[in-house]
mmCIF file of all heavy atoms, coordinates in Angstrom:
data_MODEL
# 
_entry.id   MODEL 
# 
loop_
_atom_site.group_PDB 
_atom_site.id 
_atom_site.type_symbol 
_atom_site.label_atom_id 
_atom_site.label_alt_id 
_atom_site.label_comp_id 
_atom_site.label_asym_id 
_atom_site.label_entity_id 
_atom_site.label_seq_id 
_atom_site.pdbx_PDB_ins_code 
_atom_site.Cartn_x 
_atom_site.Cartn_y 
_atom_site.Cartn_z 
_atom_site.occupancy 
_atom_site.B_iso_or_equiv 
_atom_site.pdbx_formal_charge 
_atom_site.auth_seq_id 
_atom_site.auth_comp_id 
_atom_site.auth_asym_id 
_atom_site.auth_atom_id 
_atom_site.pdbx_PDB_model_num 
ATOM 1   N N   . GLY A 1 1  ? 33.235  0.280   31.456 1.00 0.00 ? 1  GLY A N   1 
ATOM 2   C CA  . GLY A 1 1  ? 32.592  0.481   30.220 1.00 0.00 ? 1  GLY A CA  1 
ATOM 3   C C   . GLY A 1 1  ? 31.240  -0.218  30.011 1.00 0.00 ? 1  GLY A C   1 
ATOM 4   O O   . GLY A 1 1  ? 30.652  -0.143  28.984 1.00 0.00 ? 1  GLY A O   1 
ATOM 5   N N   . SER A 1 2  ? 30.686  -0.895  31.024 1.00 0.00 ? 2  SER A N   1 
ATOM 6   C CA  . SER A 1 2  ? 29.529  -1.653  30.860 1.00 0.00 ? 2  SER A CA  1 
ATOM 7   C C   . SER A 1 2  ? 28.309  -0.767  30.672 1.00 0.00 ? 2  SER A C   1 
ATOM 8   O O   . SER A 1 2  ? 27.312  -1.125  30.104 1.00 0.00 ? 2  SER A O   1 
ATOM 9   C CB  . SER A 1 2  ? 29.293  -2.659  31.935 1.00 0.00 ? 2  SER A CB  1 
ATOM 10  O OG  . SER A 1 2  ? 29.083  -1.890  33.190 1.00 0.00 ? 2  SER A OG  1 
ATOM 11  N N   . LEU A 1 3  ? 28.341  0.477   31.295 1.00 0.00 ? 3  LEU A N   1 
ATOM 12  C CA  . LEU A 1 3  ? 27.178  1.313   31.215 1.00 0.00 ? 3  LEU A CA  1 
ATOM 13  C C   . LEU A 1 3  ? 27.050  1.817   29.816 1.00 0.00 ? 3  LEU A C   1 
ATOM 14  O O   . LEU A 1 3  ? 25.990  1.860   29.248 1.00 0.00 ? 3  LEU A O   1 
ATOM 15  C CB  . LEU A 1 3  ? 27.353  2.460   32.187 1.00 0.00 ? 3  LEU A CB  1 
ATOM 16  C CG  . LEU A 1 3  ? 26.135  3.409   32.251 1.00 0.00 ? 3  LEU A CG  1 
ATOM 17  C CD1 . LEU A 1 3  ? 24.906  2.738   32.797 1.00 0.00 ? 3  LEU A CD1 1 
ATOM 18  C CD2 . LEU A 1 3  ? 26.422  4.594   33.078 1.00 0.00 ? 3  LEU A CD2 1 
ATOM 19  N N   . ALA A 1 4  ? 28.189  2.258   29.152 1.00 0.00 ? 4  ALA A N   1 
ATOM 20  C CA  . ALA A 1 4  ? 28.089  2.792   27.785 1.00 0.00 ? 4  ALA A CA  1 
ATOM 21  C C   . ALA A 1 4  ? 27.808  1.761   26.842 1.00 0.00 ? 4  ALA A C   1 
ATOM 22  O O   . ALA A 1 4  ? 27.211  2.028   25.759 1.00 0.00 ? 4  ALA A O   1 
ATOM 23  C CB  . ALA A 1 4  ? 29.476  3.531   27.490 1.00 0.00 ? 4  ALA A CB  1 
ATOM 24  N N   . ASN A 1 5  ? 28.367  0.474   27.029 1.00 0.00 ? 5  ASN A N   1 
ATOM 25  C CA  . ASN A 1 5  ? 28.247  -0.540  26.004 1.00 0.00 ? 5  ASN A CA  1 
ATOM 26  C C   . ASN A 1 5  ? 27.162  -1.555  26.319 1.00 0.00 ? 5  ASN A C   1 
ATOM 27  O O   . ASN A 1 5  ? 27.097  -2.604  25.652 1.00 0.00 ? 5  ASN A O   1 
ATOM 28  C CB  . ASN A 1 5  ? 29.635  -1.270  25.874 1.00 0.00 ? 5  ASN A CB  1 
ATOM 29  C CG  . ASN A 1 5  ? 30.698  -0.287  25.396 1.00 0.00 ? 5  ASN A CG  1 
ATOM 30  O OD1 . ASN A 1 5  ? 30.427  0.632   24.681 1.00 0.00 ? 5  ASN A OD1 1 
ATOM 31  N ND2 . ASN A 1 5  ? 31.880  -0.502  25.900 1.00 0.00 ? 5  ASN A ND2 1 
ATOM 32  N N   . GLN A 1 6  ? 26.380  -1.262  27.297 1.00 0.00 ? 6  GLN A N   1 
ATOM 33  C CA  . GLN A 1 6  ? 25.400  -2.258  27.694 1.00 0.00 ? 6  GLN A CA  1 
ATOM 34  C C   . GLN A 1 6  ? 24.304  -2.400  26.639 1.00 0.00 ? 6  GLN A C   1 
ATOM 35  O O   . GLN A 1 6  ? 23.659  -1.372  26.268 1.00 0.00 ? 6  GLN A O   1 
ATOM 36  C CB  . GLN A 1 6  ? 24.755  -1.846  29.023 1.00 0.00 ? 6  GLN A CB  1 
ATOM 37  C CG  . GLN A 1 6  ? 23.934  -2.908  29.666 1.00 0.00 ? 6  GLN A CG  1 
ATOM 38  C CD  . GLN A 1 6  ? 23.495  -2.387  31.060 1.00 0.00 ? 6  GLN A CD  1 
ATOM 39  O OE1 . GLN A 1 6  ? 23.247  -1.249  31.285 1.00 0.00 ? 6  GLN A OE1 1 
ATOM 40  N NE2 . GLN A 1 6  ? 23.374  -3.368  31.964 1.00 0.00 ? 6  GLN A NE2 1 
ATOM 41  N N   . VAL A 1 7  ? 24.089  -3.530  26.164 1.00 0.00 ? 7  VAL A N   1 
ATOM 42  C CA  . VAL A 1 7  ? 23.055  -3.808  25.153 1.00 0.00 ? 7  VAL A CA  1 
ATOM 43  C C   . VAL A 1 7  ? 22.051  -4.734  25.694 1.00 0.00 ? 7  VAL A C   1 
ATOM 44  O O   . VAL A 1 7  ? 22.511  -5.846  26.159 1.00 0.00 ? 7  VAL A O   1 
ATOM 45  C CB  . VAL A 1 7  ? 23.723  -4.387  23.950 1.00 0.00 ? 7  VAL A CB  1 
ATOM 46  C CG1 . VAL A 1 7  ? 22.655  -4.721  22.796 1.00 0.00 ? 7  VAL A CG1 1 
ATOM 47  C CG2 . VAL A 1 7  ? 24.696  -3.447  23.302 1.00 0.00 ? 7  VAL A CG2 1 
ATOM 48  N N   . SER A 1 8  ? 20.837  -4.420  25.759 1.00 0.00 ? 8  SER A N   1 
ATOM 49  C CA  . SER A 1 8  ? 19.775  -5.322  26.204 1.00 0.00 ? 8  SER A CA  1 
ATOM 50  C C   . SER A 1 8  ? 19.194  -6.025  25.015 1.00 0.00 ? 8  SER A C   1 
ATOM 51  O O   . SER A 1 8  ? 18.824  -5.407  23.987 1.00 0.00 ? 8  SER A O   1 
ATOM 52  C CB  . SER A 1 8  ? 18.686  -4.605  27.041 1.00 0.00 ? 8  SER A CB  1 
ATOM 53  O OG  . SER A 1 8  ? 18.065  -3.633  26.191 1.00 0.00 ? 8  SER A OG  1 
ATOM 54  N N   . VAL A 1 9  ? 19.097  -7.359  25.074 1.00 0.00 ? 9  VAL A N   1 
ATOM 55  C CA  . VAL A 1 9  ? 18.567  -8.156  23.992 1.00 0.00 ? 9  VAL A CA  1 
ATOM 56  C C   . VAL A 1 9  ? 17.168  -8.526  24.332 1.00 0.00 ? 9  VAL A C   1 
ATOM 57  O O   . VAL A 1 9  ? 16.937  -9.214  25.372 1.00 0.00 ? 9  VAL A O   1 
ATOM 58  C CB  . VAL A 1 9  ? 19.423  -9.463  23.799 1.00 0.00 ? 9  VAL A CB  1 
ATOM 59  C CG1 . VAL A 1 9  ? 18.920  -10.255 22.693 1.00 0.00 ? 9  VAL A CG1 1 
ATOM 60  C CG2 . VAL A 1 9  ? 20.871  -8.976  23.418 1.00 0.00 ? 9  VAL A CG2 1 
ATOM 61  N N   . ALA A 1 10 ? 16.239  -8.176  23.464 1.00 0.00 ? 10 ALA A N   1 
ATOM 62  C CA  . ALA A 1 10 ? 14.812  -8.608  23.714 1.00 0.00 ? 10 ALA A CA  1 
ATOM 63  C C   . ALA A 1 10 ? 14.654  -10.020 23.319 1.00 0.00 ? 10 ALA A C   1 
ATOM 64  O O   . ALA A 1 10 ? 15.287  -10.479 22.374 1.00 0.00 ? 10 ALA A O   1 
ATOM 65  C CB  . ALA A 1 10 ? 13.890  -7.636  22.967 1.00 0.00 ? 10 ALA A CB  1 
ATOM 66  N N   . PRO A 1 11 ? 13.819  -10.802 24.095 1.00 0.00 ? 11 PRO A N   1 
ATOM 67  C CA  . PRO A 1 11 ? 13.562  -12.160 23.622 1.00 0.00 ? 11 PRO A CA  1 
ATOM 68  C C   . PRO A 1 11 ? 12.904  -12.153 22.294 1.00 0.00 ? 11 PRO A C   1 
ATOM 69  O O   . PRO A 1 11 ? 12.088  -11.301 21.940 1.00 0.00 ? 11 PRO A O   1 
ATOM 70  C CB  . PRO A 1 11 ? 12.648  -12.704 24.736 1.00 0.00 ? 11 PRO A CB  1 
ATOM 71  C CG  . PRO A 1 11 ? 12.164  -11.495 25.440 1.00 0.00 ? 11 PRO A CG  1 
ATOM 72  C CD  . PRO A 1 11 ? 13.015  -10.379 25.231 1.00 0.00 ? 11 PRO A CD  1 
ATOM 73  N N   . ALA A 1 12 ? 13.288  -13.122 21.490 1.00 0.00 ? 12 ALA A N   1 
ATOM 74  C CA  . ALA A 1 12 ? 12.702  -13.239 20.164 1.00 0.00 ? 12 ALA A CA  1 
ATOM 75  C C   . ALA A 1 12 ? 11.183  -13.538 20.239 1.00 0.00 ? 12 ALA A C   1 
ATOM 76  O O   . ALA A 1 12 ? 10.793  -14.366 21.060 1.00 0.00 ? 12 ALA A O   1 
ATOM 77  C CB  . ALA A 1 12 ? 13.356  -14.318 19.436 1.00 0.00 ? 12 ALA A CB  1 
ATOM 78  N N   . PRO A 1 13 ? 10.330  -12.945 19.416 1.00 0.00 ? 13 PRO A N   1 
ATOM 79  C CA  . PRO A 1 13 ? 8.956   -13.209 19.466 1.00 0.00 ? 13 PRO A CA  1 
ATOM 80  C C   . PRO A 1 13 ? 8.666   -14.584 19.057 1.00 0.00 ? 13 PRO A C   1 
ATOM 81  O O   . PRO A 1 13 ? 9.238   -15.060 18.063 1.00 0.00 ? 13 PRO A O   1 
ATOM 82  C CB  . PRO A 1 13 ? 8.385   -12.097 18.576 1.00 0.00 ? 13 PRO A CB  1 
ATOM 83  C CG  . PRO A 1 13 ? 9.427   -11.751 17.732 1.00 0.00 ? 13 PRO A CG  1 
ATOM 84  C CD  . PRO A 1 13 ? 10.753  -11.918 18.428 1.00 0.00 ? 13 PRO A CD  1 
ATOM 85  N N   . THR A 1 14 ? 7.749   -15.200 19.673 1.00 0.00 ? 14 THR A N   1 
ATOM 86  C CA  . THR A 1 14 ? 7.397   -16.639 19.240 1.00 0.00 ? 14 THR A CA  1 
ATOM 87  C C   . THR A 1 14 ? 6.228   -16.462 18.352 1.00 0.00 ? 14 THR A C   1 
ATOM 88  O O   . THR A 1 14 ? 5.365   -15.645 18.502 1.00 0.00 ? 14 THR A O   1 
ATOM 89  C CB  . THR A 1 14 ? 6.968   -17.372 20.545 1.00 0.00 ? 14 THR A CB  1 
ATOM 90  O OG1 . THR A 1 14 ? 5.909   -16.757 21.140 1.00 0.00 ? 14 THR A OG1 1 
ATOM 91  C CG2 . THR A 1 14 ? 8.102   -17.621 21.432 1.00 0.00 ? 14 THR A CG2 1 
ATOM 92  N N   . THR A 1 15 ? 6.224   -17.329 17.364 1.00 0.00 ? 15 THR A N   1 
ATOM 93  C CA  . THR A 1 15 ? 5.134   -17.226 16.375 1.00 0.00 ? 15 THR A CA  1 
ATOM 94  C C   . THR A 1 15 ? 4.123   -18.367 16.835 1.00 0.00 ? 15 THR A C   1 
ATOM 95  O O   . THR A 1 15 ? 4.389   -19.489 16.997 1.00 0.00 ? 15 THR A O   1 
ATOM 96  C CB  . THR A 1 15 ? 5.622   -17.615 15.017 1.00 0.00 ? 15 THR A CB  1 
ATOM 97  O OG1 . THR A 1 15 ? 6.336   -18.877 14.970 1.00 0.00 ? 15 THR A OG1 1 
ATOM 98  C CG2 . THR A 1 15 ? 6.595   -16.554 14.445 1.00 0.00 ? 15 THR A CG2 1 
ATOM 99  N N   . GLN A 1 16 ? 2.906   -17.841 16.991 1.00 0.00 ? 16 GLN A N   1 
ATOM 100 C CA  . GLN A 1 16 ? 1.794   -18.737 17.330 1.00 0.00 ? 16 GLN A CA  1 
ATOM 101 C C   . GLN A 1 16 ? 0.717   -18.688 16.318 1.00 0.00 ? 16 GLN A C   1 
ATOM 102 O O   . GLN A 1 16 ? 0.532   -17.630 15.723 1.00 0.00 ? 16 GLN A O   1 
ATOM 103 C CB  . GLN A 1 16 ? 1.213   -18.270 18.749 1.00 0.00 ? 16 GLN A CB  1 
ATOM 104 C CG  . GLN A 1 16 ? 2.144   -18.407 19.873 1.00 0.00 ? 16 GLN A CG  1 
ATOM 105 C CD  . GLN A 1 16 ? 1.593   -17.894 21.218 1.00 0.00 ? 16 GLN A CD  1 
ATOM 106 O OE1 . GLN A 1 16 ? 0.461   -17.337 21.208 1.00 0.00 ? 16 GLN A OE1 1 
ATOM 107 N NE2 . GLN A 1 16 ? 2.265   -18.120 22.269 1.00 0.00 ? 16 GLN A NE2 1 
ATOM 108 N N   . PRO A 1 17 ? 0.068   -19.807 16.052 1.00 0.00 ? 17 PRO A N   1 
ATOM 109 C CA  . PRO A 1 17 ? -0.943  -19.779 15.033 1.00 0.00 ? 17 PRO A CA  1 
ATOM 110 C C   . PRO A 1 17 ? -2.109  -18.821 15.461 1.00 0.00 ? 17 PRO A C   1 
ATOM 111 O O   . PRO A 1 17 ? -2.342  -18.669 16.704 1.00 0.00 ? 17 PRO A O   1 
ATOM 112 C CB  . PRO A 1 17 ? -1.388  -21.242 14.943 1.00 0.00 ? 17 PRO A CB  1 
ATOM 113 C CG  . PRO A 1 17 ? -0.957  -21.865 16.279 1.00 0.00 ? 17 PRO A CG  1 
ATOM 114 C CD  . PRO A 1 17 ? 0.244   -21.067 16.705 1.00 0.00 ? 17 PRO A CD  1 
ATOM 115 N N   . ALA A 1 18 ? -2.743  -18.209 14.504 1.00 0.00 ? 18 ALA A N   1 
ATOM 116 C CA  . ALA A 1 18 ? -3.839  -17.324 14.772 1.00 0.00 ? 18 ALA A CA  1 
ATOM 117 C C   . ALA A 1 18 ? -5.005  -18.170 15.426 1.00 0.00 ? 18 ALA A C   1 
ATOM 118 O O   . ALA A 1 18 ? -5.258  -19.290 15.046 1.00 0.00 ? 18 ALA A O   1 
ATOM 119 C CB  . ALA A 1 18 ? -4.336  -16.645 13.501 1.00 0.00 ? 18 ALA A CB  1 
ATOM 120 N N   . LYS A 1 19 ? -5.601  -17.563 16.394 1.00 0.00 ? 19 LYS A N   1 
ATOM 121 C CA  . LYS A 1 19 ? -6.697  -18.190 17.091 1.00 0.00 ? 19 LYS A CA  1 
ATOM 122 C C   . LYS A 1 19 ? -7.958  -18.097 16.220 1.00 0.00 ? 19 LYS A C   1 
ATOM 123 O O   . LYS A 1 19 ? -8.319  -17.002 15.763 1.00 0.00 ? 19 LYS A O   1 
ATOM 124 C CB  . LYS A 1 19 ? -6.901  -17.571 18.457 1.00 0.00 ? 19 LYS A CB  1 
ATOM 125 C CG  . LYS A 1 19 ? -5.786  -17.892 19.369 1.00 0.00 ? 19 LYS A CG  1 
ATOM 126 C CD  . LYS A 1 19 ? -6.104  -17.396 20.794 1.00 0.00 ? 19 LYS A CD  1 
ATOM 127 C CE  . LYS A 1 19 ? -4.983  -17.711 21.748 1.00 0.00 ? 19 LYS A CE  1 
ATOM 128 N NZ  . LYS A 1 19 ? -5.327  -17.319 23.075 1.00 0.00 ? 19 LYS A NZ  1 
ATOM 129 N N   . THR A 1 20 ? -8.711  -19.121 16.190 1.00 0.00 ? 20 THR A N   1 
ATOM 130 C CA  . THR A 1 20 ? -10.010 -19.062 15.473 1.00 0.00 ? 20 THR A CA  1 
ATOM 131 C C   . THR A 1 20 ? -11.051 -18.620 16.516 1.00 0.00 ? 20 THR A C   1 
ATOM 132 O O   . THR A 1 20 ? -10.833 -18.611 17.657 1.00 0.00 ? 20 THR A O   1 
ATOM 133 C CB  . THR A 1 20 ? -10.414 -20.446 14.986 1.00 0.00 ? 20 THR A CB  1 
ATOM 134 O OG1 . THR A 1 20 ? -10.507 -21.325 16.102 1.00 0.00 ? 20 THR A OG1 1 
ATOM 135 C CG2 . THR A 1 20 ? -9.360  -21.054 14.001 1.00 0.00 ? 20 THR A CG2 1 
ATOM 136 N N   . ALA A 1 21 ? -12.163 -18.270 15.986 1.00 0.00 ? 21 ALA A N   1 
ATOM 137 C CA  . ALA A 1 21 ? -13.277 -17.785 16.810 1.00 0.00 ? 21 ALA A CA  1 
ATOM 138 C C   . ALA A 1 21 ? -13.692 -18.911 17.822 1.00 0.00 ? 21 ALA A C   1 
ATOM 139 O O   . ALA A 1 21 ? -14.042 -18.649 18.933 1.00 0.00 ? 21 ALA A O   1 
ATOM 140 C CB  . ALA A 1 21 ? -14.497 -17.389 15.979 1.00 0.00 ? 21 ALA A CB  1 
ATOM 141 N N   . GLN A 1 22 ? -13.523 -20.197 17.406 1.00 0.00 ? 22 GLN A N   1 
ATOM 142 C CA  . GLN A 1 22 ? -13.837 -21.284 18.309 1.00 0.00 ? 22 GLN A CA  1 
ATOM 143 C C   . GLN A 1 22 ? -12.891 -21.337 19.430 1.00 0.00 ? 22 GLN A C   1 
ATOM 144 O O   . GLN A 1 22 ? -13.263 -21.634 20.543 1.00 0.00 ? 22 GLN A O   1 
ATOM 145 C CB  . GLN A 1 22 ? -13.893 -22.625 17.473 1.00 0.00 ? 22 GLN A CB  1 
ATOM 146 C CG  . GLN A 1 22 ? -14.500 -23.702 18.265 1.00 0.00 ? 22 GLN A CG  1 
ATOM 147 C CD  . GLN A 1 22 ? -15.646 -24.345 17.462 1.00 0.00 ? 22 GLN A CD  1 
ATOM 148 O OE1 . GLN A 1 22 ? -15.895 -24.078 16.291 1.00 0.00 ? 22 GLN A OE1 1 
ATOM 149 N NE2 . GLN A 1 22 ? -16.353 -25.230 18.046 1.00 0.00 ? 22 GLN A NE2 1 
ATOM 150 N N   . ASP A 1 23 ? -11.583 -21.061 19.183 1.00 0.00 ? 23 ASP A N   1 
ATOM 151 C CA  . ASP A 1 23 ? -10.571 -21.175 20.189 1.00 0.00 ? 23 ASP A CA  1 
ATOM 152 C C   . ASP A 1 23 ? -10.743 -20.111 21.207 1.00 0.00 ? 23 ASP A C   1 
ATOM 153 O O   . ASP A 1 23 ? -10.403 -20.252 22.400 1.00 0.00 ? 23 ASP A O   1 
ATOM 154 C CB  . ASP A 1 23 ? -9.202  -21.100 19.631 1.00 0.00 ? 23 ASP A CB  1 
ATOM 155 C CG  . ASP A 1 23 ? -8.915  -22.333 18.812 1.00 0.00 ? 23 ASP A CG  1 
ATOM 156 O OD1 . ASP A 1 23 ? -9.496  -23.398 19.066 1.00 0.00 ? 23 ASP A OD1 1 
ATOM 157 O OD2 . ASP A 1 23 ? -7.981  -22.304 17.960 1.00 0.00 ? 23 ASP A OD2 1 
ATOM 158 N N   . GLU A 1 24 ? -11.212 -18.881 20.778 1.00 0.00 ? 24 GLU A N   1 
ATOM 159 C CA  . GLU A 1 24 ? -11.344 -17.773 21.693 1.00 0.00 ? 24 GLU A CA  1 
ATOM 160 C C   . GLU A 1 24 ? -12.372 -17.959 22.720 1.00 0.00 ? 24 GLU A C   1 
ATOM 161 O O   . GLU A 1 24 ? -12.309 -17.474 23.916 1.00 0.00 ? 24 GLU A O   1 
ATOM 162 C CB  . GLU A 1 24 ? -11.547 -16.492 20.989 1.00 0.00 ? 24 GLU A CB  1 
ATOM 163 C CG  . GLU A 1 24 ? -10.329 -16.085 20.119 1.00 0.00 ? 24 GLU A CG  1 
ATOM 164 C CD  . GLU A 1 24 ? -10.534 -14.788 19.348 1.00 0.00 ? 24 GLU A CD  1 
ATOM 165 O OE1 . GLU A 1 24 ? -11.500 -14.013 19.794 1.00 0.00 ? 24 GLU A OE1 1 
ATOM 166 O OE2 . GLU A 1 24 ? -9.783  -14.484 18.472 1.00 0.00 ? 24 GLU A OE2 1 
ATOM 167 N N   . HIS A 1 25 ? -13.427 -18.679 22.401 1.00 0.00 ? 25 HIS A N   1 
ATOM 168 C CA  . HIS A 1 25 ? -14.569 -18.892 23.399 1.00 0.00 ? 25 HIS A CA  1 
ATOM 169 C C   . HIS A 1 25 ? -14.423 -20.268 23.964 1.00 0.00 ? 25 HIS A C   1 
ATOM 170 O O   . HIS A 1 25 ? -14.944 -21.180 23.355 1.00 0.00 ? 25 HIS A O   1 
ATOM 171 C CB  . HIS A 1 25 ? -15.901 -18.670 22.696 1.00 0.00 ? 25 HIS A CB  1 
ATOM 172 C CG  . HIS A 1 25 ? -16.024 -17.283 22.188 1.00 0.00 ? 25 HIS A CG  1 
ATOM 173 N ND1 . HIS A 1 25 ? -16.197 -16.200 22.970 1.00 0.00 ? 25 HIS A ND1 1 
ATOM 174 C CD2 . HIS A 1 25 ? -16.126 -16.750 20.876 1.00 0.00 ? 25 HIS A CD2 1 
ATOM 175 C CE1 . HIS A 1 25 ? -16.325 -15.063 22.240 1.00 0.00 ? 25 HIS A CE1 1 
ATOM 176 N NE2 . HIS A 1 25 ? -16.335 -15.449 20.991 1.00 0.00 ? 25 HIS A NE2 1 
ATOM 177 N N   . VAL A 1 26 ? -13.739 -20.450 25.042 1.00 0.00 ? 26 VAL A N   1 
ATOM 178 C CA  . VAL A 1 26 ? -13.573 -21.687 25.522 1.00 0.00 ? 26 VAL A CA  1 
ATOM 179 C C   . VAL A 1 26 ? -14.861 -22.178 26.319 1.00 0.00 ? 26 VAL A C   1 
ATOM 180 O O   . VAL A 1 26 ? -15.381 -21.410 27.152 1.00 0.00 ? 26 VAL A O   1 
ATOM 181 C CB  . VAL A 1 26 ? -12.362 -21.685 26.586 1.00 0.00 ? 26 VAL A CB  1 
ATOM 182 C CG1 . VAL A 1 26 ? -12.213 -23.038 27.275 1.00 0.00 ? 26 VAL A CG1 1 
ATOM 183 C CG2 . VAL A 1 26 ? -11.126 -21.312 25.778 1.00 0.00 ? 26 VAL A CG2 1 
ATOM 184 N N   . VAL A 1 27 ? -15.366 -23.405 26.048 1.00 0.00 ? 27 VAL A N   1 
ATOM 185 C CA  . VAL A 1 27 ? -16.553 -23.856 26.637 1.00 0.00 ? 27 VAL A CA  1 
ATOM 186 C C   . VAL A 1 27 ? -16.162 -25.113 27.421 1.00 0.00 ? 27 VAL A C   1 
ATOM 187 O O   . VAL A 1 27 ? -15.419 -25.932 26.975 1.00 0.00 ? 27 VAL A O   1 
ATOM 188 C CB  . VAL A 1 27 ? -17.540 -24.213 25.488 1.00 0.00 ? 27 VAL A CB  1 
ATOM 189 C CG1 . VAL A 1 27 ? -18.765 -24.848 26.170 1.00 0.00 ? 27 VAL A CG1 1 
ATOM 190 C CG2 . VAL A 1 27 ? -17.894 -22.988 24.722 1.00 0.00 ? 27 VAL A CG2 1 
ATOM 191 N N   . PRO A 1 28 ? -16.610 -25.112 28.750 1.00 0.00 ? 28 PRO A N   1 
ATOM 192 C CA  . PRO A 1 28 ? -16.345 -26.291 29.547 1.00 0.00 ? 28 PRO A CA  1 
ATOM 193 C C   . PRO A 1 28 ? -16.798 -27.592 28.908 1.00 0.00 ? 28 PRO A C   1 
ATOM 194 O O   . PRO A 1 28 ? -17.839 -27.560 28.153 1.00 0.00 ? 28 PRO A O   1 
ATOM 195 C CB  . PRO A 1 28 ? -16.995 -25.997 30.830 1.00 0.00 ? 28 PRO A CB  1 
ATOM 196 C CG  . PRO A 1 28 ? -17.275 -24.517 30.878 1.00 0.00 ? 28 PRO A CG  1 
ATOM 197 C CD  . PRO A 1 28 ? -17.355 -24.127 29.472 1.00 0.00 ? 28 PRO A CD  1 
# 
């Protein structure tokens, strides 16, 4: 019965803070 009852669980999305314009352009 594993084929018929197989349920795949997707990993929960992680919440990340929105990137600012300064974060997107990384400067050495």
